[in-house]
Amino acid sequence: MRFHARCRQALALLAFLGLVSAPASGQDEWHWPEKMKNAQVFPKDFPAAKLSAVMRGFTRSLGVRCTHCHVGEEGKPLGSYDFVSDKNPNKDRAREMYRMLGDINGHLKKITPSAEPRVNMWCGTCHRGRPRPTTLGEEMSEARKKSGIEGALARYRELRGRYEDAGAFDFRERTLADFAGDLVEEKDYEGAIAVLKLNAEVFPKSSDAWEGLGEAYRSAGKNELAVLSYRKALELDARNDGARQALRELEAPKAP
């Protein structure tokens, strides 16, 4: 079952390059073509065995299926798909991405490598199992535009639940801290506090996470809450000089 499922997934990558034609109408079984039709990226005599390996690599990298780029209906026999058609704009996008990949790897060969083996770019380098290789911050920003800060936090939790172990996004604490920093620049202090509270929730033993929350509270004028956060930061790491200095300033006697 796994083998056949992977075969079906691999067909998705035909969408990217438009390399093959569909089998005869009504034919449920599909075979890799001996000769490609509408080939614009690979040579027309590209062997079927090699094509299969490349397409499987694409499938794993982007996590797509045939209907992502081809004219066809999910769940229908592959014989009903029009693999040659260029009507789906995703096919040309994919062709250009593949050409871009070749350009990047060609340029990399001009650079003296820092170590061996030489770095090689591949689809998975950026996509990591997703059709659109966005960053976590970009995903949260888009969600915030649509649904406010609660939407951004919900998007973070959703993506973390789906991709935490996949390496598709950077879920280290610095990512949320940077996102909150952008909100502070916009003077959205309440939004920054919400994001940094989440950061302290996800990384409860991080002194830096609690210090960041203290900074957000202090920027919002919520000094009592800032003091509590700074104290927590020092409790976790007595060497946190930033938190110590901020706490000293907040707790200093006020001039009469």
C-alpha atoms as a PDB file:
ATOM      1  CA  MET A   1       0.000   0.000   0.000  1.00  0.00           C
ATOM      2  CA  ARG A   2       2.797   2.415   0.842  1.00  0.00           C
ATOM      3  CA  PHE A   3       4.492   1.802  -2.495  1.00  0.00           C
ATOM      4  CA  HIS A   4       1.335   2.568  -4.471  1.00  0.00           C
ATOM      5  CA  ALA A   5       0.621   5.643  -2.355  1.00  0.00           C
ATOM      6  CA  ARG A   6       4.091   6.968  -3.098  1.00  0.00           C
ATOM      7  CA  CYS A   7       3.569   6.309  -6.789  1.00  0.00           C
ATOM      8  CA  ARG A   8       0.386   8.353  -6.730  1.00  0.00           C
ATOM      9  CA  GLN A   9       2.159  11.153  -4.879  1.00  0.00           C
ATOM     10  CA  ALA A  10       5.036  11.117  -7.322  1.00  0.00           C
ATOM     11  CA  LEU A  11       2.639  11.910 -10.138  1.00  0.00           C
ATOM     12  CA  ALA A  12       2.094  15.285  -8.532  1.00  0.00           C
ATOM     13  CA  LEU A  13       5.490  16.378  -9.725  1.00  0.00           C
ATOM     14  CA  LEU A  14       4.521  15.813 -13.312  1.00  0.00           C
ATOM     15  CA  ALA A  15       2.429  18.863 -12.670  1.00  0.00           C
ATOM     16  CA  PHE A  16       5.559  20.887 -12.171  1.00  0.00           C
ATOM     17  CA  LEU A  17       7.239  20.090 -15.409  1.00  0.00           C
ATOM     18  CA  GLY A  18       4.464  18.917 -17.734  1.00  0.00           C
ATOM     19  CA  LEU A  19       6.592  16.021 -18.809  1.00  0.00           C
ATOM     20  CA  VAL A  20       4.101  13.299 -19.551  1.00  0.00           C
ATOM     21  CA  SER A  21       0.822  12.661 -21.246  1.00  0.00           C
ATOM     22  CA  ALA A  22      -2.162  11.053 -19.560  1.00  0.00           C
ATOM     23  CA  PRO A  23      -2.923   7.390 -20.167  1.00  0.00           C
ATOM     24  CA  ALA A  24      -5.817   6.391 -22.348  1.00  0.00           C
ATOM     25  CA  SER A  25      -9.247   7.409 -21.051  1.00  0.00           C
ATOM     26  CA  GLY A  26     -10.709   4.946 -18.579  1.00  0.00           C
ATOM     27  CA  GLN A  27      -7.375   3.253 -17.912  1.00  0.00           C
ATOM     28  CA  ASP A  28      -6.847   3.082 -14.136  1.00  0.00           C
ATOM     29  CA  GLU A  29      -3.274   1.832 -14.210  1.00  0.00           C
ATOM     30  CA  TRP A  30      -0.599   4.368 -14.975  1.00  0.00           C
ATOM     31  CA  HIS A  31       2.970   3.760 -16.181  1.00  0.00           C
ATOM     32  CA  TRP A  32       5.946   6.052 -16.474  1.00  0.00           C
ATOM     33  CA  PRO A  33       6.224   7.139 -20.121  1.00  0.00           C
ATOM     34  CA  GLU A  34       9.038   5.969 -22.350  1.00  0.00           C
ATOM     35  CA  LYS A  35       8.936   9.342 -24.102  1.00  0.00           C
ATOM     36  CA  MET A  36       7.774  12.604 -22.609  1.00  0.00           C
ATOM     37  CA  LYS A  37       5.353  15.017 -24.203  1.00  0.00           C
ATOM     38  CA  ASN A  38       5.457  18.782 -23.769  1.00  0.00           C
ATOM     39  CA  ALA A  39       8.899  18.484 -22.191  1.00  0.00           C
ATOM     40  CA  GLN A  40      10.315  21.971 -21.585  1.00  0.00           C
ATOM     41  CA  VAL A  41      12.819  21.434 -18.791  1.00  0.00           C
ATOM     42  CA  PHE A  42      14.196  17.909 -19.180  1.00  0.00           C
ATOM     43  CA  PRO A  43      15.427  16.387 -22.446  1.00  0.00           C
ATOM     44  CA  LYS A  44      12.727  14.511 -24.347  1.00  0.00           C
ATOM     45  CA  ASP A  45      14.773  11.293 -24.133  1.00  0.00           C
ATOM     46  CA  PHE A  46      15.067  11.523 -20.322  1.00  0.00           C
ATOM     47  CA  PRO A  47      14.829   7.845 -19.202  1.00  0.00           C
ATOM     48  CA  ALA A  48      11.716   6.746 -17.347  1.00  0.00           C
ATOM     49  CA  ALA A  49      13.660   5.246 -14.430  1.00  0.00           C
ATOM     50  CA  LYS A  50      15.526   8.499 -13.843  1.00  0.00           C
ATOM     51  CA  LEU A  51      12.353  10.532 -14.261  1.00  0.00           C
ATOM     52  CA  SER A  52      10.685   8.412 -11.592  1.00  0.00           C
ATOM     53  CA  ALA A  53      13.477   9.094  -9.094  1.00  0.00           C
ATOM     54  CA  VAL A  54      13.466  12.827  -9.765  1.00  0.00           C
ATOM     55  CA  MET A  55       9.710  13.087  -9.466  1.00  0.00           C
ATOM     56  CA  ARG A  56       9.687  11.213  -6.189  1.00  0.00           C
ATOM     57  CA  GLY A  57      12.247  13.674  -4.887  1.00  0.00           C
ATOM     58  CA  PHE A  58      10.030  16.577  -5.935  1.00  0.00           C
ATOM     59  CA  THR A  59       7.042  14.996  -4.258  1.00  0.00           C
ATOM     60  CA  ARG A  60       8.801  14.678  -0.928  1.00  0.00           C
ATOM     61  CA  SER A  61      10.166  18.190  -1.180  1.00  0.00           C
ATOM     62  CA  LEU A  62       6.906  19.984  -1.918  1.00  0.00           C
ATOM     63  CA  GLY A  63       4.260  17.634  -0.556  1.00  0.00           C
ATOM     64  CA  VAL A  64       1.905  18.146  -3.525  1.00  0.00           C
ATOM     65  CA  ARG A  65      -0.427  15.973  -5.587  1.00  0.00           C
ATOM     66  CA  CYS A  66      -1.351  15.917  -9.266  1.00  0.00           C
ATOM     67  CA  THR A  67      -4.205  18.401  -8.997  1.00  0.00           C
ATOM     68  CA  HIS A  68      -1.848  21.042  -7.621  1.00  0.00           C
ATOM     69  CA  CYS A  69      -0.664  21.706 -11.180  1.00  0.00           C
ATOM     70  CA  HIS A  70      -2.563  19.457 -13.556  1.00  0.00           C
ATOM     71  CA  VAL A  71      -6.012  19.593 -15.038  1.00  0.00           C
ATOM     72  CA  GLY A  72      -7.806  16.794 -13.242  1.00  0.00           C
ATOM     73  CA  GLU A  73     -10.047  15.943 -10.319  1.00  0.00           C
ATOM     74  CA  GLU A  74      -8.661  14.495  -7.102  1.00  0.00           C
ATOM     75  CA  GLY A  75      -9.762  10.909  -6.604  1.00  0.00           C
ATOM     76  CA  LYS A  76     -10.506  10.299 -10.278  1.00  0.00           C
ATOM     77  CA  PRO A  77      -8.527   7.745 -12.364  1.00  0.00           C
ATOM     78  CA  LEU A  78      -5.256   9.127 -13.649  1.00  0.00           C
ATOM     79  CA  GLY A  79      -6.462   8.287 -17.135  1.00  0.00           C
ATOM     80  CA  SER A  80      -8.862  11.202 -16.851  1.00  0.00           C
ATOM     81  CA  TYR A  81      -6.083  13.717 -16.148  1.00  0.00           C
ATOM     82  CA  ASP A  82      -4.674  15.968 -18.841  1.00  0.00           C
ATOM     83  CA  PHE A  83      -0.994  15.831 -17.961  1.00  0.00           C
ATOM     84  CA  VAL A  84       0.052  17.627 -21.147  1.00  0.00           C
ATOM     85  CA  SER A  85      -2.141  20.695 -20.709  1.00  0.00           C
ATOM     86  CA  ASP A  86      -0.588  23.976 -19.600  1.00  0.00           C
ATOM     87  CA  LYS A  87      -3.878  25.477 -18.389  1.00  0.00           C
ATOM     88  CA  ASN A  88      -2.923  25.271 -14.729  1.00  0.00           C
ATOM     89  CA  PRO A  89      -0.576  28.228 -14.041  1.00  0.00           C
ATOM     90  CA  ASN A  90       1.247  26.287 -11.328  1.00  0.00           C
ATOM     91  CA  LYS A  91       2.928  24.230 -14.020  1.00  0.00           C
ATOM     92  CA  ASP A  92       4.758  27.199 -15.521  1.00  0.00           C
ATOM     93  CA  ARG A  93       5.612  28.459 -12.046  1.00  0.00           C
ATOM     94  CA  ALA A  94       7.233  25.135 -11.312  1.00  0.00           C
ATOM     95  CA  ARG A  95       9.172  25.142 -14.568  1.00  0.00           C
ATOM     96  CA  GLU A  96      10.615  28.539 -13.730  1.00  0.00           C
ATOM     97  CA  MET A  97      11.467  27.384 -10.219  1.00  0.00           C
ATOM     98  CA  TYR A  98      13.321  24.402 -11.667  1.00  0.00           C
ATOM     99  CA  ARG A  99      15.238  26.659 -14.048  1.00  0.00           C
ATOM    100  CA  MET A 100      16.034  28.971 -11.136  1.00  0.00           C
ATOM    101  CA  LEU A 101      17.358  26.006  -9.189  1.00  0.00           C
ATOM    102  CA  GLY A 102      19.729  25.237 -12.041  1.00  0.00           C
ATOM    103  CA  ASP A 103      20.900  28.858 -12.125  1.00  0.00           C
ATOM    104  CA  ILE A 104      21.578  28.845  -8.378  1.00  0.00           C
ATOM    105  CA  ASN A 105      23.551  25.624  -8.472  1.00  0.00           C
ATOM    106  CA  GLY A 106      25.478  26.907 -11.476  1.00  0.00           C
ATOM    107  CA  HIS A 107      26.419  30.051  -9.561  1.00  0.00           C
ATOM    108  CA  LEU A 108      27.393  28.052  -6.480  1.00  0.00           C
ATOM    109  CA  LYS A 109      30.030  26.274  -8.549  1.00  0.00           C
ATOM    110  CA  LYS A 110      31.771  29.634  -9.008  1.00  0.00           C
ATOM    111  CA  ILE A 111      32.190  30.027  -5.245  1.00  0.00           C
ATOM    112  CA  THR A 112      35.056  28.394  -3.394  1.00  0.00           C
ATOM    113  CA  PRO A 113      33.322  26.112  -0.900  1.00  0.00           C
ATOM    114  CA  SER A 114      33.896  26.606   2.810  1.00  0.00           C
ATOM    115  CA  ALA A 115      34.013  22.843   3.269  1.00  0.00           C
ATOM    116  CA  GLU A 116      33.513  19.595   1.415  1.00  0.00           C
ATOM    117  CA  PRO A 117      31.226  18.311   0.127  1.00  0.00           C
ATOM    118  CA  ARG A 118      30.118  21.407  -1.764  1.00  0.00           C
ATOM    119  CA  VAL A 119      26.664  22.732  -0.870  1.00  0.00           C
ATOM    120  CA  ASN A 120      24.009  21.883  -3.427  1.00  0.00           C
ATOM    121  CA  MET A 121      20.576  23.485  -3.562  1.00  0.00           C
ATOM    122  CA  TRP A 122      17.507  21.316  -4.045  1.00  0.00           C
ATOM    123  CA  CYS A 123      13.772  21.942  -3.860  1.00  0.00           C
ATOM    124  CA  GLY A 124      13.652  20.655  -0.310  1.00  0.00           C
ATOM    125  CA  THR A 125      16.291  23.165   0.794  1.00  0.00           C
ATOM    126  CA  CYS A 126      13.605  25.832   0.904  1.00  0.00           C
ATOM    127  CA  HIS A 127      10.253  24.077   0.554  1.00  0.00           C
ATOM    128  CA  ARG A 128      10.680  21.390   3.213  1.00  0.00           C
ATOM    129  CA  GLY A 129       7.442  19.651   2.348  1.00  0.00           C
ATOM    130  CA  ARG A 130       5.375  22.767   1.554  1.00  0.00           C
ATOM    131  CA  PRO A 131       4.354  24.261  -1.816  1.00  0.00           C
ATOM    132  CA  ARG A 132       5.060  27.823  -0.575  1.00  0.00           C
ATOM    133  CA  PRO A 133       8.385  28.163   1.312  1.00  0.00           C
ATOM    134  CA  THR A 134       7.331  30.937   3.685  1.00  0.00           C
ATOM    135  CA  THR A 135       8.910  31.669   7.057  1.00  0.00           C
ATOM    136  CA  LEU A 136       7.051  31.321  10.336  1.00  0.00           C
ATOM    137  CA  GLY A 137       7.129  35.082  10.802  1.00  0.00           C
ATOM    138  CA  GLU A 138       5.585  35.620   7.373  1.00  0.00           C
ATOM    139  CA  GLU A 139       2.832  33.111   8.120  1.00  0.00           C
ATOM    140  CA  MET A 140       2.044  34.847  11.415  1.00  0.00           C
ATOM    141  CA  SER A 141       2.076  38.279   9.794  1.00  0.00           C
ATOM    142  CA  GLU A 142      -0.424  37.192   7.150  1.00  0.00           C
ATOM    143  CA  ALA A 143      -2.658  35.641   9.797  1.00  0.00           C
ATOM    144  CA  ARG A 144      -2.482  38.847  11.849  1.00  0.00           C
ATOM    145  CA  LYS A 145      -3.594  40.926   8.858  1.00  0.00           C
ATOM    146  CA  LYS A 146      -6.641  38.713   8.453  1.00  0.00           C
ATOM    147  CA  SER A 147      -7.586  37.898  12.044  1.00  0.00           C
ATOM    148  CA  GLY A 148      -5.555  40.084  14.394  1.00  0.00           C
ATOM    149  CA  ILE A 149      -3.056  38.916  16.966  1.00  0.00           C
ATOM    150  CA  GLU A 150      -5.258  35.987  17.998  1.00  0.00           C
ATOM    151  CA  GLY A 151      -5.146  34.763  14.420  1.00  0.00           C
ATOM    152  CA  ALA A 152      -1.350  34.995  14.434  1.00  0.00           C
ATOM    153  CA  LEU A 153      -1.112  32.993  17.648  1.00  0.00           C
ATOM    154  CA  ALA A 154      -3.555  30.398  16.326  1.00  0.00           C
ATOM    155  CA  ARG A 155      -1.504  30.085  13.134  1.00  0.00           C
ATOM    156  CA  TYR A 156       1.646  29.527  15.187  1.00  0.00           C
ATOM    157  CA  ARG A 157       0.009  26.744  17.183  1.00  0.00           C
ATOM    158  CA  GLU A 158      -1.414  25.163  14.043  1.00  0.00           C
ATOM    159  CA  LEU A 159       1.934  25.127  12.244  1.00  0.00           C
ATOM    160  CA  ARG A 160       3.804  23.920  15.314  1.00  0.00           C
ATOM    161  CA  GLY A 161       1.372  21.042  15.673  1.00  0.00           C
ATOM    162  CA  ARG A 162       1.844  20.034  12.031  1.00  0.00           C
ATOM    163  CA  TYR A 163       5.522  20.761  11.400  1.00  0.00           C
ATOM    164  CA  GLU A 164       7.400  20.867  14.692  1.00  0.00           C
ATOM    165  CA  ASP A 165       9.428  17.746  13.878  1.00  0.00           C
ATOM    166  CA  ALA A 166       9.648  18.339  10.137  1.00  0.00           C
ATOM    167  CA  GLY A 167      12.128  21.207  10.020  1.00  0.00           C
ATOM    168  CA  ALA A 168       9.719  23.207   7.844  1.00  0.00           C
ATOM    169  CA  PHE A 169       9.760  26.259  10.105  1.00  0.00           C
ATOM    170  CA  ASP A 170      12.102  27.739  12.685  1.00  0.00           C
ATOM    171  CA  PHE A 171      10.311  27.167  15.996  1.00  0.00           C
ATOM    172  CA  ARG A 172      13.155  28.363  18.177  1.00  0.00           C
ATOM    173  CA  GLU A 173      12.301  31.066  20.705  1.00  0.00           C
ATOM    174  CA  ARG A 174      14.145  33.727  18.720  1.00  0.00           C
ATOM    175  CA  THR A 175      11.475  33.599  16.004  1.00  0.00           C
ATOM    176  CA  LEU A 176       8.655  34.698  18.321  1.00  0.00           C
ATOM    177  CA  ALA A 177      10.929  37.239  19.959  1.00  0.00           C
ATOM    178  CA  ASP A 178      11.733  38.818  16.594  1.00  0.00           C
ATOM    179  CA  PHE A 179       8.067  38.850  15.606  1.00  0.00           C
ATOM    180  CA  ALA A 180       7.203  40.567  18.880  1.00  0.00           C
ATOM    181  CA  GLY A 181       9.997  43.074  18.287  1.00  0.00           C
ATOM    182  CA  ASP A 182       8.352  44.088  15.021  1.00  0.00           C
ATOM    183  CA  LEU A 183       5.085  44.625  16.887  1.00  0.00           C
ATOM    184  CA  VAL A 184       6.832  46.860  19.431  1.00  0.00           C
ATOM    185  CA  GLU A 185       8.218  48.908  16.534  1.00  0.00           C
ATOM    186  CA  GLU A 186       4.605  49.371  15.409  1.00  0.00           C
ATOM    187  CA  LYS A 187       3.688  50.290  19.024  1.00  0.00           C
ATOM    188  CA  ASP A 188       1.371  47.289  19.198  1.00  0.00           C
ATOM    189  CA  TYR A 189       2.404  46.583  22.757  1.00  0.00           C
ATOM    190  CA  GLU A 190      -0.558  44.379  23.598  1.00  0.00           C
ATOM    191  CA  GLY A 191       0.182  42.239  20.561  1.00  0.00           C
ATOM    192  CA  ALA A 192       3.829  41.952  21.542  1.00  0.00           C
ATOM    193  CA  ILE A 193       2.869  40.968  25.095  1.00  0.00           C
ATOM    194  CA  ALA A 194       0.573  38.236  23.758  1.00  0.00           C
ATOM    195  CA  VAL A 195       3.321  36.842  21.530  1.00  0.00           C
ATOM    196  CA  LEU A 196       5.947  36.910  24.276  1.00  0.00           C
ATOM    197  CA  LYS A 197       3.578  35.304  26.766  1.00  0.00           C
ATOM    198  CA  LEU A 198       3.290  32.480  24.253  1.00  0.00           C
ATOM    199  CA  ASN A 199       7.084  32.388  23.974  1.00  0.00           C
ATOM    200  CA  ALA A 200       7.426  32.049  27.752  1.00  0.00           C
ATOM    201  CA  GLU A 201       4.743  29.358  27.683  1.00  0.00           C
ATOM    202  CA  VAL A 202       6.573  27.359  25.008  1.00  0.00           C
ATOM    203  CA  PHE A 203      10.017  27.967  26.567  1.00  0.00           C
ATOM    204  CA  PRO A 204       9.249  28.256  30.309  1.00  0.00           C
ATOM    205  CA  LYS A 205      12.859  27.634  31.339  1.00  0.00           C
ATOM    206  CA  SER A 206      14.342  30.307  29.106  1.00  0.00           C
ATOM    207  CA  SER A 207      15.584  33.361  30.955  1.00  0.00           C
ATOM    208  CA  ASP A 208      15.684  35.286  27.682  1.00  0.00           C
ATOM    209  CA  ALA A 209      12.021  34.545  26.978  1.00  0.00           C
ATOM    210  CA  TRP A 210      10.963  35.961  30.357  1.00  0.00           C
ATOM    211  CA  GLU A 211      13.244  38.973  29.964  1.00  0.00           C
ATOM    212  CA  GLY A 212      11.638  39.677  26.593  1.00  0.00           C
ATOM    213  CA  LEU A 213       8.194  39.525  28.159  1.00  0.00           C
ATOM    214  CA  GLY A 214       9.387  41.945  30.815  1.00  0.00           C
ATOM    215  CA  GLU A 215      10.559  44.351  28.115  1.00  0.00           C
ATOM    216  CA  ALA A 216       7.150  44.212  26.434  1.00  0.00           C
ATOM    217  CA  TYR A 217       5.354  44.888  29.711  1.00  0.00           C
ATOM    218  CA  ARG A 218       7.710  47.774  30.424  1.00  0.00           C
ATOM    219  CA  SER A 219       7.148  49.266  26.966  1.00  0.00           C
ATOM    220  CA  ALA A 220       3.404  49.116  27.613  1.00  0.00           C
ATOM    221  CA  GLY A 221       3.804  50.874  30.952  1.00  0.00           C
ATOM    222  CA  LYS A 222       2.852  47.768  32.941  1.00  0.00           C
ATOM    223  CA  ASN A 223       5.780  47.998  35.309  1.00  0.00           C
ATOM    224  CA  GLU A 224       4.450  45.679  38.019  1.00  0.00           C
ATOM    225  CA  LEU A 225       4.087  42.849  35.533  1.00  0.00           C
ATOM    226  CA  ALA A 226       7.478  43.733  34.071  1.00  0.00           C
ATOM    227  CA  VAL A 227       9.063  43.351  37.497  1.00  0.00           C
ATOM    228  CA  LEU A 228       7.553  39.881  37.891  1.00  0.00           C
ATOM    229  CA  SER A 229       8.893  38.818  34.511  1.00  0.00           C
ATOM    230  CA  TYR A 230      12.373  40.170  35.167  1.00  0.00           C
ATOM    231  CA  ARG A 231      12.469  38.377  38.515  1.00  0.00           C
ATOM    232  CA  LYS A 232      11.517  35.146  36.777  1.00  0.00           C
ATOM    233  CA  ALA A 233      14.293  35.714  34.253  1.00  0.00           C
ATOM    234  CA  LEU A 234      16.843  36.133  37.059  1.00  0.00           C
ATOM    235  CA  GLU A 235      15.488  33.114  38.892  1.00  0.00           C
ATOM    236  CA  LEU A 236      16.220  31.040  35.815  1.00  0.00           C
ATOM    237  CA  ASP A 237      19.601  32.630  35.132  1.00  0.00           C
ATOM    238  CA  ALA A 238      21.286  34.781  37.759  1.00  0.00           C
ATOM    239  CA  ARG A 239      23.799  35.925  35.109  1.00  0.00           C
ATOM    240  CA  ASN A 240      21.116  37.726  33.076  1.00  0.00           C
ATOM    241  CA  ASP A 241      22.535  41.238  33.404  1.00  0.00           C
ATOM    242  CA  GLY A 242      19.879  42.784  31.182  1.00  0.00           C
ATOM    243  CA  ALA A 243      17.072  41.610  33.432  1.00  0.00           C
ATOM    244  CA  ARG A 244      19.029  42.646  36.548  1.00  0.00           C
ATOM    245  CA  GLN A 245      19.623  46.168  35.243  1.00  0.00           C
ATOM    246  CA  ALA A 246      15.991  46.594  34.196  1.00  0.00           C
ATOM    247  CA  LEU A 247      14.800  45.368  37.584  1.00  0.00           C
ATOM    248  CA  ARG A 248      17.164  47.763  39.352  1.00  0.00           C
ATOM    249  CA  GLU A 249      15.785  50.684  37.353  1.00  0.00           C
ATOM    250  CA  LEU A 250      12.158  49.745  37.992  1.00  0.00           C
ATOM    251  CA  GLU A 251      12.641  49.170  41.707  1.00  0.00           C
ATOM    252  CA  ALA A 252      14.806  52.228  42.335  1.00  0.00           C
ATOM    253  CA  PRO A 253      13.246  54.750  44.754  1.00  0.00           C
ATOM    254  CA  LYS A 254      11.537  57.542  42.911  1.00  0.00           C
ATOM    255  CA  ALA A 255      12.763  61.057  43.482  1.00  0.00           C
ATOM    256  CA  PRO A 256      10.361  63.190  45.541  1.00  0.00           C
END
